[in-house]
Amino acid sequence: MMIEPPIDKLIKKAECRYALVCGVAKRARQLETQYPDLLEDSKKKAISYAAQEIYDGRIVVKRDNQ
């Protein structure tokens, strides 16, 4: 269960829940493949780290307009 960041505040960082889930998953995959040392140093799982980045505003979830 994820406690930090609070999910009710994290949801406000994206247009909808679906966009948030997709954004967190995409960033987590990116972290695992491109920045494994960052995850190892932080002692966090990729999902938790990605969620924290979005909550802190370091990563912005945008809708892909086609």
Protein backbone atom coordinates (compact mmCIF):
# COMPACT_ATOMS: atom_id res chain seq x y z
CA MET A 1 0.00 0.00 0.00
CA MET A 2 1.34 3.40 -0.97
CA ILE A 3 1.12 6.00 1.80
CA GLU A 4 3.52 8.68 0.52
CA PRO A 5 2.60 10.70 -1.45
CA PRO A 6 -1.07 10.85 -0.40
CA ILE A 7 -3.21 9.49 -3.22
CA ASP A 8 -5.97 12.09 -2.83
CA LYS A 9 -3.46 14.88 -3.49
CA LEU A 10 -1.62 12.94 -6.18
CA ILE A 11 -4.82 12.54 -8.21
CA LYS A 12 -5.03 16.33 -8.54
CA LYS A 13 -1.73 16.34 -10.47
CA ALA A 14 -3.31 14.83 -13.60
CA GLU A 15 -6.41 15.30 -15.73
CA CYS A 16 -7.91 11.99 -14.65
CA ARG A 17 -6.97 8.83 -12.80
CA TYR A 18 -6.26 6.97 -16.01
CA ALA A 19 -3.76 9.63 -17.12
CA LEU A 20 -2.11 9.52 -13.70
CA VAL A 21 -1.75 5.73 -13.76
CA CYS A 22 -0.34 5.81 -17.29
CA GLY A 23 2.07 8.62 -16.40
CA VAL A 24 3.35 6.91 -13.27
CA ALA A 25 3.77 3.59 -15.07
CA LYS A 26 5.59 5.18 -18.01
CA ARG A 27 7.97 7.06 -15.72
CA ALA A 28 8.57 3.95 -13.59
CA ARG A 29 9.56 1.94 -16.68
CA GLN A 30 11.85 4.76 -17.75
CA LEU A 31 13.50 4.84 -14.32
CA GLU A 32 14.06 1.08 -14.33
CA THR A 33 15.70 1.05 -17.76
CA GLN A 34 17.60 4.35 -17.80
CA TYR A 35 18.32 5.19 -14.15
CA PRO A 36 18.67 1.97 -12.11
CA ASP A 37 21.43 3.54 -9.97
CA LEU A 38 19.06 6.33 -8.92
CA LEU A 39 16.55 3.75 -7.66
CA GLU A 40 19.25 1.77 -5.89
CA ASP A 41 20.55 4.88 -4.13
CA SER A 42 17.07 6.00 -3.07
CA LYS A 43 16.08 2.52 -1.81
CA LYS A 44 12.62 3.04 -3.37
CA LYS A 45 10.73 1.04 -5.91
CA ALA A 46 10.27 2.60 -9.34
CA ILE A 47 6.52 3.16 -8.86
CA SER A 48 7.02 4.96 -5.54
CA TYR A 49 9.82 7.10 -6.94
CA ALA A 50 7.78 8.04 -10.03
CA ALA A 51 4.73 8.91 -7.92
CA GLN A 52 6.88 11.11 -5.68
CA GLU A 53 8.35 12.91 -8.70
CA ILE A 54 4.87 13.68 -10.03
CA TYR A 55 3.65 14.80 -6.61
CA ASP A 56 6.66 17.12 -6.19
CA GLY A 57 6.09 18.61 -9.64
CA ARG A 58 9.40 17.40 -11.10
CA ILE A 59 7.46 15.41 -13.70
CA VAL A 60 4.25 16.70 -15.30
CA VAL A 61 1.59 14.33 -16.63
CA LYS A 62 0.31 15.64 -19.95
CA ARG A 63 -2.33 14.31 -22.25
CA ASP A 64 -1.01 13.23 -25.63
CA ASN A 65 -3.07 15.11 -28.22
CA GLN A 66 -3.15 13.40 -31.57
